[in-house]
C-alpha atoms as a PDB file:
ATOM      1  CA  MET A   1       0.296   0.125  -0.047  1.00  0.00           C
ATOM      2  CA  ARG A   2       1.053   3.370  -0.958  1.00  0.00           C
ATOM      3  CA  PRO A   3       0.292   6.531   1.168  1.00  0.00           C
ATOM      4  CA  SER A   4      -1.524   9.027  -0.710  1.00  0.00           C
ATOM      5  CA  ALA A   5      -0.367  12.395  -1.450  1.00  0.00           C
ATOM      6  CA  GLN A   6      -2.583  14.245   1.288  1.00  0.00           C
ATOM      7  CA  CYS A   7      -1.309  11.866   4.291  1.00  0.00           C
ATOM      8  CA  LEU A   8       2.133  12.832   3.259  1.00  0.00           C
ATOM      9  CA  ALA A   9       1.547  16.609   3.176  1.00  0.00           C
ATOM     10  CA  PRO A  10       3.033  18.466   5.848  1.00  0.00           C
ATOM     11  CA  GLY A  11      -0.041  20.117   6.945  1.00  0.00           C
ATOM     12  CA  PHE A  12      -1.540  16.356   7.357  1.00  0.00           C
ATOM     13  CA  LEU A  13       1.520  15.234   9.531  1.00  0.00           C
ATOM     14  CA  ARG A  14       1.521  18.731  11.535  1.00  0.00           C
ATOM     15  CA  ARG A  15      -2.243  18.611  12.525  1.00  0.00           C
ATOM     16  CA  SER A  16      -1.845  15.078  13.576  1.00  0.00           C
ATOM     17  CA  LEU A  17       1.119  15.550  15.706  1.00  0.00           C
ATOM     18  CA  ASP A  18      -0.906  18.656  17.378  1.00  0.00           C
ATOM     19  CA  GLU A  19      -4.127  16.452  17.906  1.00  0.00           C
ATOM     20  CA  LEU A  20      -2.014  13.711  19.420  1.00  0.00           C
ATOM     21  CA  LYS A  21      -0.516  16.528  21.717  1.00  0.00           C
ATOM     22  CA  ARG A  22      -3.813  17.818  22.710  1.00  0.00           C
ATOM     23  CA  LEU A  23      -5.366  14.018  23.216  1.00  0.00           C
ATOM     24  CA  SER A  24      -2.324  13.335  25.428  1.00  0.00           C
ATOM     25  CA  SER A  25      -2.681  16.517  27.651  1.00  0.00           C
ATOM     26  CA  TYR A  26      -6.462  15.848  27.706  1.00  0.00           C
ATOM     27  CA  ALA A  27      -6.058  12.471  29.264  1.00  0.00           C
ATOM     28  CA  ILE A  28      -3.064  12.986  31.539  1.00  0.00           C
ATOM     29  CA  LYS A  29      -4.916  16.131  33.204  1.00  0.00           C
ATOM     30  CA  LEU A  30      -8.345  14.242  33.221  1.00  0.00           C
ATOM     31  CA  GLU A  31     -10.043  17.154  32.018  1.00  0.00           C
ATOM     32  CA  GLY A  32     -13.261  15.328  31.073  1.00  0.00           C
ATOM     33  CA  LEU A  33     -13.726  14.741  34.598  1.00  0.00           C
ATOM     34  CA  HIS A  34     -14.602  18.527  35.600  1.00  0.00           C
ATOM     35  CA  ALA A  35     -15.525  21.627  33.849  1.00  0.00           C
ATOM     36  CA  PRO A  36     -12.931  23.429  32.416  1.00  0.00           C
ATOM     37  CA  THR A  37     -11.840  26.988  33.811  1.00  0.00           C
ATOM     38  CA  LYS A  38      -9.407  27.859  30.836  1.00  0.00           C
ATOM     39  CA  PRO A  39     -11.100  29.526  27.413  1.00  0.00           C
ATOM     40  CA  LEU A  40     -10.906  27.196  24.244  1.00  0.00           C
ATOM     41  CA  PRO A  41     -10.176  29.881  21.244  1.00  0.00           C
ATOM     42  CA  LEU A  42     -11.899  29.063  18.089  1.00  0.00           C
ATOM     43  CA  ILE A  43     -10.639  32.171  15.937  1.00  0.00           C
ATOM     44  CA  LEU A  44      -8.430  34.928  17.343  1.00  0.00           C
ATOM     45  CA  PHE A  45      -7.600  37.743  15.006  1.00  0.00           C
ATOM     46  CA  ASP A  46      -4.058  38.377  16.213  1.00  0.00           C
ATOM     47  CA  SER A  47      -2.270  38.466  12.522  1.00  0.00           C
ATOM     48  CA  PRO A  48      -2.917  38.735   8.717  1.00  0.00           C
ATOM     49  CA  HIS A  49      -1.969  34.761   8.806  1.00  0.00           C
ATOM     50  CA  ASP A  50      -5.641  34.194  10.702  1.00  0.00           C
ATOM     51  CA  LEU A  51      -7.432  35.556   7.911  1.00  0.00           C
ATOM     52  CA  SER A  52      -6.355  32.587   5.922  1.00  0.00           C
ATOM     53  CA  ARG A  53      -8.329  30.379   8.042  1.00  0.00           C
ATOM     54  CA  CYS A  54     -11.742  31.991   6.784  1.00  0.00           C
ATOM     55  CA  LYS A  55     -13.906  31.831   4.190  1.00  0.00           C
ATOM     56  CA  ARG A  56     -16.075  34.785   2.702  1.00  0.00           C
ATOM     57  CA  MET A  57     -19.488  34.321   1.058  1.00  0.00           C
ATOM     58  CA  SER A  58     -21.960  36.477  -0.587  1.00  0.00           C
ATOM     59  CA  ASP A  59     -24.686  36.178  -3.089  1.00  0.00           C
ATOM     60  CA  LYS A  60     -22.143  37.257  -5.645  1.00  0.00           C
ATOM     61  CA  ASP A  61     -21.082  33.419  -5.830  1.00  0.00           C
ATOM     62  CA  ILE A  62     -24.532  32.518  -7.575  1.00  0.00           C
ATOM     63  CA  GLY A  63     -24.435  35.959  -9.599  1.00  0.00           C
ATOM     64  CA  GLY A  64     -25.468  38.765  -7.322  1.00  0.00           C
ATOM     65  CA  PHE A  65     -23.925  41.852  -6.650  1.00  0.00           C
ATOM     66  CA  SER A  66     -23.464  41.892  -2.599  1.00  0.00           C
ATOM     67  CA  THR A  67     -19.872  42.206  -1.702  1.00  0.00           C
ATOM     68  CA  ALA A  68     -17.911  40.817   1.380  1.00  0.00           C
ATOM     69  CA  ASN A  69     -14.416  41.911   2.362  1.00  0.00           C
ATOM     70  CA  LEU A  70     -12.279  40.626   5.149  1.00  0.00           C
ATOM     71  CA  ASP A  71      -9.372  42.881   6.374  1.00  0.00           C
ATOM     72  CA  PHE A  72      -6.856  42.524   9.278  1.00  0.00           C
ATOM     73  CA  HIS A  73      -6.411  45.754  11.352  1.00  0.00           C
ATOM     74  CA  PRO A  74      -3.364  45.452  13.950  1.00  0.00           C
ATOM     75  CA  ALA A  75      -4.257  46.573  17.411  1.00  0.00           C
ATOM     76  CA  SER A  76      -4.386  50.477  18.109  1.00  0.00           C
ATOM     77  CA  PRO A  77      -4.916  51.147  21.701  1.00  0.00           C
ATOM     78  CA  PRO A  78      -7.808  51.113  22.727  1.00  0.00           C
ATOM     79  CA  ALA A  79      -8.794  48.929  19.962  1.00  0.00           C
ATOM     80  CA  PRO A  80      -7.377  45.582  19.613  1.00  0.00           C
ATOM     81  CA  SER A  81      -6.395  43.719  16.706  1.00  0.00           C
ATOM     82  CA  ASN A  82      -9.243  42.743  14.674  1.00  0.00           C
ATOM     83  CA  ALA A  83     -10.575  41.372  11.233  1.00  0.00           C
ATOM     84  CA  ARG A  84     -13.054  43.751   9.620  1.00  0.00           C
ATOM     85  CA  PHE A  85     -15.979  42.439   7.671  1.00  0.00           C
ATOM     86  CA  HIS A  86     -17.482  44.941   5.428  1.00  0.00           C
ATOM     87  CA  GLY A  87     -18.847  45.356   2.099  1.00  0.00           C
ATOM     88  CA  THR A  88     -22.487  46.381   0.386  1.00  0.00           C
ATOM     89  CA  ILE A  89     -25.652  44.455   0.364  1.00  0.00           C
ATOM     90  CA  SER A  90     -27.450  44.545  -2.859  1.00  0.00           C
ATOM     91  CA  ILE A  91     -30.948  43.005  -3.538  1.00  0.00           C
ATOM     92  CA  GLU A  92     -30.573  43.363  -7.346  1.00  0.00           C
ATOM     93  CA  LEU A  93     -31.319  40.120  -9.156  1.00  0.00           C
ATOM     94  CA  PRO A  94     -29.002  39.030 -11.887  1.00  0.00           C
ATOM     95  CA  ARG A  95     -30.504  39.377 -15.393  1.00  0.00           C
ATOM     96  CA  ASP A  96     -28.988  36.387 -17.083  1.00  0.00           C
ATOM     97  CA  GLN A  97     -29.793  33.835 -14.714  1.00  0.00           C
ATOM     98  CA  PRO A  98     -33.641  33.466 -13.835  1.00  0.00           C
ATOM     99  CA  ARG A  99     -33.411  30.770 -11.595  1.00  0.00           C
ATOM    100  CA  VAL A 100     -32.022  33.088  -8.989  1.00  0.00           C
ATOM    101  CA  GLN A 101     -34.888  34.515  -7.266  1.00  0.00           C
ATOM    102  CA  ARG A 102     -33.442  35.949  -3.991  1.00  0.00           C
ATOM    103  CA  THR A 103     -30.130  37.795  -3.367  1.00  0.00           C
ATOM    104  CA  GLY A 104     -29.002  40.410  -0.462  1.00  0.00           C
ATOM    105  CA  TYR A 105     -26.621  38.355   1.818  1.00  0.00           C
ATOM    106  CA  ALA A 106     -22.984  38.317   3.005  1.00  0.00           C
ATOM    107  CA  ALA A 107     -21.155  36.106   5.703  1.00  0.00           C
ATOM    108  CA  TRP A 108     -17.828  34.437   6.205  1.00  0.00           C
ATOM    109  CA  ARG A 109     -17.084  31.403   8.373  1.00  0.00           C
ATOM    110  CA  THR A 110     -13.853  29.525   9.725  1.00  0.00           C
ATOM    111  CA  LEU A 111     -12.542  26.935   7.189  1.00  0.00           C
ATOM    112  CA  ASP A 112     -12.847  23.269   8.080  1.00  0.00           C
ATOM    113  CA  ARG A 113      -9.825  22.387  10.289  1.00  0.00           C
ATOM    114  CA  GLY A 114      -8.712  19.436   7.989  1.00  0.00           C
ATOM    115  CA  ALA A 115      -8.038  15.966   8.470  1.00  0.00           C
ATOM    116  CA  THR A 116      -5.365  14.095  10.959  1.00  0.00           C
ATOM    117  CA  ILE A 117      -4.498  10.373  11.414  1.00  0.00           C
ATOM    118  CA  PHE A 118      -7.131  10.248  14.080  1.00  0.00           C
ATOM    119  CA  GLY A 119      -9.852  11.623  11.576  1.00  0.00           C
ATOM    120  CA  LYS A 120     -11.469  15.288  10.875  1.00  0.00           C
ATOM    121  CA  GLN A 121     -10.515  17.882  13.349  1.00  0.00           C
ATOM    122  CA  LEU A 122     -13.569  19.237  15.177  1.00  0.00           C
ATOM    123  CA  TRP A 123     -14.215  21.243  18.481  1.00  0.00           C
ATOM    124  CA  ASP A 124     -15.573  19.833  21.370  1.00  0.00           C
ATOM    125  CA  VAL A 125     -17.385  22.512  23.322  1.00  0.00           C
ATOM    126  CA  SER A 126     -19.486  20.197  25.170  1.00  0.00           C
ATOM    127  CA  LEU A 127     -17.944  21.251  28.509  1.00  0.00           C
ATOM    128  CA  TYR A 128     -18.640  24.784  28.061  1.00  0.00           C
ATOM    129  CA  THR A 129     -21.671  27.078  28.901  1.00  0.00           C
ATOM    130  CA  TYR A 130     -20.854  29.886  26.390  1.00  0.00           C
ATOM    131  CA  LEU A 131     -19.629  31.171  23.006  1.00  0.00           C
ATOM    132  CA  ALA A 132     -17.865  34.660  23.587  1.00  0.00           C
ATOM    133  CA  ILE A 133     -17.558  36.979  20.746  1.00  0.00           C
ATOM    134  CA  GLN A 134     -15.630  40.335  20.973  1.00  0.00           C
ATOM    135  CA  PHE A 135     -16.682  42.807  18.409  1.00  0.00           C
ATOM    136  CA  LYS A 136     -17.512  46.288  17.260  1.00  0.00           C
ATOM    137  CA  SER A 137     -21.167  46.735  15.276  1.00  0.00           C
ATOM    138  CA  ASP A 138     -22.564  48.940  12.949  1.00  0.00           C
ATOM    139  CA  GLY A 139     -26.045  48.105  14.286  1.00  0.00           C
ATOM    140  CA  ARG A 140     -27.126  45.950  11.602  1.00  0.00           C
ATOM    141  CA  LYS A 141     -28.820  42.582  12.137  1.00  0.00           C
ATOM    142  CA  TYR A 142     -25.918  40.207  11.765  1.00  0.00           C
ATOM    143  CA  PHE A 143     -26.162  36.398  12.901  1.00  0.00           C
ATOM    144  CA  VAL A 144     -23.698  33.994  14.499  1.00  0.00           C
ATOM    145  CA  ASN A 145     -23.590  30.838  12.370  1.00  0.00           C
ATOM    146  CA  VAL A 146     -22.288  27.567  13.757  1.00  0.00           C
ATOM    147  CA  GLN A 147     -21.840  24.230  11.814  1.00  0.00           C
ATOM    148  CA  THR A 148     -21.529  20.896  13.400  1.00  0.00           C
ATOM    149  CA  GLU A 149     -20.858  17.383  12.229  1.00  0.00           C
ATOM    150  CA  SER A 150     -24.767  16.767  11.853  1.00  0.00           C
ATOM    151  CA  ILE A 151     -26.755  14.125   9.699  1.00  0.00           C
ATOM    152  CA  VAL A 152     -28.018  17.181   7.533  1.00  0.00           C
ATOM    153  CA  PRO A 153     -24.924  18.576   6.289  1.00  0.00           C
ATOM    154  CA  THR A 154     -26.947  22.103   5.504  1.00  0.00           C
ATOM    155  CA  ASP A 155     -28.100  22.727   8.749  1.00  0.00           C
ATOM    156  CA  ILE A 156     -26.825  25.664  10.465  1.00  0.00           C
ATOM    157  CA  HIS A 157     -27.564  26.632  14.136  1.00  0.00           C
ATOM    158  CA  GLN A 158     -28.028  30.538  14.512  1.00  0.00           C
ATOM    159  CA  HIS A 159     -28.229  33.068  17.202  1.00  0.00           C
ATOM    160  CA  ARG A 160     -28.565  37.076  16.751  1.00  0.00           C
ATOM    161  CA  LEU A 161     -25.712  39.013  17.351  1.00  0.00           C
ATOM    162  CA  TYR A 162     -27.119  41.730  19.676  1.00  0.00           C
ATOM    163  CA  SER A 163     -25.199  44.851  20.103  1.00  0.00           C
ATOM    164  CA  LYS A 164     -25.746  47.431  23.209  1.00  0.00           C
ATOM    165  CA  THR A 165     -23.427  49.820  21.968  1.00  0.00           C
ATOM    166  CA  PRO A 166     -22.954  50.139  18.356  1.00  0.00           C
ATOM    167  CA  GLY A 167     -19.608  52.016  17.071  1.00  0.00           C
ATOM    168  CA  GLU A 168     -17.888  50.769  20.450  1.00  0.00           C
ATOM    169  CA  TRP A 169     -16.095  47.679  21.125  1.00  0.00           C
ATOM    170  CA  GLU A 170     -18.197  44.884  23.431  1.00  0.00           C
ATOM    171  CA  THR A 171     -18.319  41.521  24.089  1.00  0.00           C
ATOM    172  CA  ILE A 172     -21.087  39.352  24.417  1.00  0.00           C
ATOM    173  CA  LEU A 173     -21.521  35.766  25.611  1.00  0.00           C
ATOM    174  CA  ILE A 174     -24.131  33.358  23.916  1.00  0.00           C
ATOM    175  CA  LYS A 175     -25.317  30.105  25.561  1.00  0.00           C
ATOM    176  CA  TRP A 176     -24.777  27.129  23.357  1.00  0.00           C
ATOM    177  CA  ASN A 177     -28.540  25.877  24.290  1.00  0.00           C
ATOM    178  CA  GLU A 178     -29.646  28.885  22.953  1.00  0.00           C
ATOM    179  CA  PHE A 179     -28.854  28.617  19.204  1.00  0.00           C
ATOM    180  CA  VAL A 180     -31.921  27.668  16.641  1.00  0.00           C
ATOM    181  CA  ARG A 181     -31.486  25.130  14.002  1.00  0.00           C
ATOM    182  CA  THR A 182     -32.082  26.385  10.429  1.00  0.00           C
ATOM    183  CA  ASN A 183     -31.734  25.337   7.058  1.00  0.00           C
ATOM    184  CA  HIS A 184     -31.404  27.609   4.143  1.00  0.00           C
ATOM    185  CA  GLY A 185     -32.205  30.303   6.170  1.00  0.00           C
ATOM    186  CA  GLN A 186     -35.445  29.136   7.697  1.00  0.00           C
ATOM    187  CA  VAL A 187     -36.075  27.701  11.142  1.00  0.00           C
ATOM    188  CA  VAL A 188     -36.313  23.850  11.053  1.00  0.00           C
ATOM    189  CA  GLU A 189     -38.826  21.604  13.138  1.00  0.00           C
ATOM    190  CA  PRO A 190     -38.314  19.546  14.939  1.00  0.00           C
ATOM    191  CA  GLN A 191     -35.281  21.622  16.942  1.00  0.00           C
ATOM    192  CA  ARG A 192     -32.574  19.056  18.077  1.00  0.00           C
ATOM    193  CA  GLU A 193     -30.063  19.914  20.489  1.00  0.00           C
ATOM    194  CA  MET A 194     -27.026  21.022  18.983  1.00  0.00           C
ATOM    195  CA  LEU A 195     -24.244  18.732  18.634  1.00  0.00           C
ATOM    196  CA  THR A 196     -21.435  20.283  20.639  1.00  0.00           C
ATOM    197  CA  GLN A 197     -19.025  17.495  20.770  1.00  0.00           C
ATOM    198  CA  LYS A 198     -18.307  17.821  17.137  1.00  0.00           C
ATOM    199  CA  VAL A 199     -18.336  21.703  15.718  1.00  0.00           C
ATOM    200  CA  ARG A 200     -16.944  22.209  12.482  1.00  0.00           C
ATOM    201  CA  THR A 201     -17.097  26.110  11.933  1.00  0.00           C
ATOM    202  CA  VAL A 202     -18.128  29.326  13.665  1.00  0.00           C
ATOM    203  CA  GLY A 203     -18.813  32.737  11.476  1.00  0.00           C
ATOM    204  CA  ILE A 204     -21.216  35.647  11.371  1.00  0.00           C
ATOM    205  CA  GLY A 205     -23.740  36.454   8.586  1.00  0.00           C
ATOM    206  CA  LEU A 206     -25.934  39.633   7.258  1.00  0.00           C
ATOM    207  CA  ILE A 207     -29.212  38.366   6.353  1.00  0.00           C
ATOM    208  CA  ASP A 208     -31.491  41.390   6.468  1.00  0.00           C
ATOM    209  CA  ARG A 209     -31.627  42.040   2.802  1.00  0.00           C
ATOM    210  CA  ILE A 210     -31.317  46.121   3.439  1.00  0.00           C
ATOM    211  CA  PRO A 211     -29.430  47.438   0.614  1.00  0.00           C
ATOM    212  CA  GLY A 212     -26.201  49.403   1.679  1.00  0.00           C
ATOM    213  CA  PRO A 213     -23.133  49.312   3.135  1.00  0.00           C
ATOM    214  CA  TYR A 214     -22.309  47.375   6.445  1.00  0.00           C
ATOM    215  CA  ASP A 215     -19.121  47.175   8.689  1.00  0.00           C
ATOM    216  CA  LEU A 216     -18.621  44.755  11.455  1.00  0.00           C
ATOM    217  CA  SER A 217     -15.358  44.082  13.302  1.00  0.00           C
ATOM    218  CA  ILE A 218     -14.176  41.032  15.344  1.00  0.00           C
ATOM    219  CA  SER A 219     -11.562  40.712  17.403  1.00  0.00           C
ATOM    220  CA  ARG A 220     -11.797  37.198  18.817  1.00  0.00           C
ATOM    221  CA  ILE A 221     -14.250  34.312  19.292  1.00  0.00           C
ATOM    222  CA  TRP A 222     -13.883  31.872  22.102  1.00  0.00           C
ATOM    223  CA  THR A 223     -15.876  29.062  24.021  1.00  0.00           C
ATOM    224  CA  THR A 224     -15.866  29.627  27.981  1.00  0.00           C
ATOM    225  CA  ASN A 225     -17.298  28.970  31.346  1.00  0.00           C
ATOM    226  CA  ALA A 226     -16.988  32.768  32.187  1.00  0.00           C
ATOM    227  CA  GLY A 227     -14.684  31.893  35.315  1.00  0.00           C
ATOM    228  CA  ARG A 228     -11.886  33.951  36.758  1.00  0.00           C
ATOM    229  CA  ASP A 229      -9.419  31.588  34.986  1.00  0.00           C
ATOM    230  CA  ASP A 230     -10.631  32.833  31.446  1.00  0.00           C
ATOM    231  CA  ASP A 231      -7.569  35.210  30.637  1.00  0.00           C
ATOM    232  CA  ILE A 232      -9.162  36.369  27.114  1.00  0.00           C
ATOM    233  CA  LEU A 233     -12.247  37.636  28.884  1.00  0.00           C
ATOM    234  CA  ASN A 234     -10.209  39.002  32.207  1.00  0.00           C
ATOM    235  CA  THR A 235      -8.457  41.122  29.011  1.00  0.00           C
ATOM    236  CA  VAL A 236     -11.797  42.304  27.133  1.00  0.00           C
ATOM    237  CA  GLU A 237     -13.598  43.485  30.539  1.00  0.00           C
ATOM    238  CA  ASP A 238     -11.283  46.490  30.008  1.00  0.00           C
ATOM    239  CA  GLN A 239     -12.279  47.091  26.383  1.00  0.00           C
ATOM    240  CA  GLY A 240     -15.967  47.437  26.501  1.00  0.00           C
ATOM    241  CA  THR A 241     -19.265  46.070  28.194  1.00  0.00           C
ATOM    242  CA  ILE A 242     -20.018  42.402  28.521  1.00  0.00           C
ATOM    243  CA  GLY A 243     -23.430  41.129  27.547  1.00  0.00           C
ATOM    244  CA  GLY A 244     -25.051  37.850  27.948  1.00  0.00           C
ATOM    245  CA  LEU A 245     -23.321  36.851  31.412  1.00  0.00           C
ATOM    246  CA  SER A 246     -25.732  35.318  33.914  1.00  0.00           C
ATOM    247  CA  ALA A 247     -26.097  37.052  36.836  1.00  0.00           C
ATOM    248  CA  ALA A 248     -24.395  34.147  39.000  1.00  0.00           C
ATOM    249  CA  ALA A 249     -21.599  34.181  36.853  1.00  0.00           C
ATOM    250  CA  ALA A 250     -21.256  38.078  36.746  1.00  0.00           C
ATOM    251  CA  SER A 251     -21.184  37.683  40.883  1.00  0.00           C
ATOM    252  CA  TYR A 252     -18.729  35.187  40.945  1.00  0.00           C
ATOM    253  CA  ARG A 253     -16.316  37.254  38.692  1.00  0.00           C
ATOM    254  CA  GLU A 254     -16.979  40.468  40.942  1.00  0.00           C
ATOM    255  CA  LEU A 255     -16.252  38.490  44.032  1.00  0.00           C
ATOM    256  CA  SER A 256     -13.071  36.940  42.568  1.00  0.00           C
ATOM    257  CA  ARG A 257     -11.942  39.901  41.201  1.00  0.00           C
ATOM    258  CA  PRO A 258      -8.404  40.938  42.803  1.00  0.00           C
ATOM    259  CA  ARG A 259      -8.946  44.232  44.832  1.00  0.00           C
ATOM    260  CA  PRO A 260      -6.519  46.904  45.184  1.00  0.00           C
ATOM    261  CA  PRO A 261      -4.623  46.844  48.803  1.00  0.00           C
ATOM    262  CA  LYS A 262      -5.707  49.648  51.181  1.00  0.00           C
ATOM    263  CA  ASP A 263      -4.023  52.929  51.374  1.00  0.00           C
ATOM    264  CA  VAL A 264      -2.684  52.290  55.188  1.00  0.00           C
ATOM    265  CA  ALA A 265      -1.675  55.953  55.350  1.00  0.00           C
ATOM    266  CA  SER A 266      -5.135  57.020  54.404  1.00  0.00           C
ATOM    267  CA  GLU A 267      -6.680  54.561  56.852  1.00  0.00           C
ATOM    268  CA  VAL A 268      -4.403  55.731  59.984  1.00  0.00           C
ATOM    269  CA  ASP A 269      -5.150  59.428  59.264  1.00  0.00           C
ATOM    270  CA  SER A 270      -8.932  58.351  58.810  1.00  0.00           C
ATOM    271  CA  ASN A 271      -8.679  56.824  62.443  1.00  0.00           C
ATOM    272  CA  THR A 272      -7.323  59.662  63.778  1.00  0.00           C
ATOM    273  CA  THR A 273      -9.813  62.123  62.585  1.00  0.00           C
ATOM    274  CA  ARG A 274     -12.421  59.945  64.027  1.00  0.00           C
ATOM    275  CA  ALA A 275     -10.673  59.669  67.096  1.00  0.00           C
ATOM    276  CA  TYR A 276     -10.012  63.489  67.544  1.00  0.00           C
ATOM    277  CA  SER A 277     -13.802  64.101  66.504  1.00  0.00           C
ATOM    278  CA  GLY A 278     -15.008  61.765  69.116  1.00  0.00           C
ATOM    279  CA  LYS A 279     -12.601  63.570  71.524  1.00  0.00           C
ATOM    280  CA  ASP A 280     -13.801  67.184  70.764  1.00  0.00           C
ATOM    281  CA  SER A 281     -17.651  65.981  70.851  1.00  0.00           C
ATOM    282  CA  ASN A 282     -17.061  64.734  74.192  1.00  0.00           C
ATOM    283  CA  LYS A 283     -15.631  67.888  75.539  1.00  0.00           C
ATOM    284  CA  LYS A 284     -18.603  69.852  74.147  1.00  0.00           C
ATOM    285  CA  GLY A 285     -21.085  67.514  75.874  1.00  0.00           C
ATOM    286  CA  SER A 286     -19.310  67.850  79.395  1.00  0.00           C
END
């Protein structure tokens, strides 16, 4: 038997080695026995190379006129490094393709992660509560799209990307069980629980069909349990509001947040002032 060219490709061997390291670490640390405290990055736009892991899509692929661009922007404090998803939505129909009856969408998603000697690479997010996204929106109606290794390959789980502060950086946490199963943009019944053990891709799309420009910046997408050991969430707390965090998780993070030490000198002065005030008041009352 001769190995195929795909199996001899450097990417295949590298992915297989990385997967072996991941599985070994998973077994040694017994990570499946408890909820993880560290975040699991899905796509972090830290360098221009990260754009090569993404695919752009629009109705231009079927003859339409909407455009989809994805540009990298390095960090320029206070803005983090990010990918800018922008373009123009058009609902004009192509004249030479009568079979096309609907246009007006644009989207991007991560590419399939490729095969390894252990099989297809997928994300197992079943032990995490939230999908977290740091972004800056223009306020249009964007949707978060998640594909899994399901029986129906065209199924997409969707959730609205709500923006509380359009034009400013913010972070939203979406519970995995709040996604809705759709197919070709329509809600599918009966609804089934997402196969979170086998997530293929994540991405964001615009399907409001409102003609005109759009502009959305995304810095990072990860999955988390929103604990104090989530270094990504700790970083973005200083870069805008955080939405979608449950009250219990928010209280836990607030209680576990390190507090600055008290100023001893100020405390002494305060105590001294109170002491003298009490002494003076006693004299007046005598």
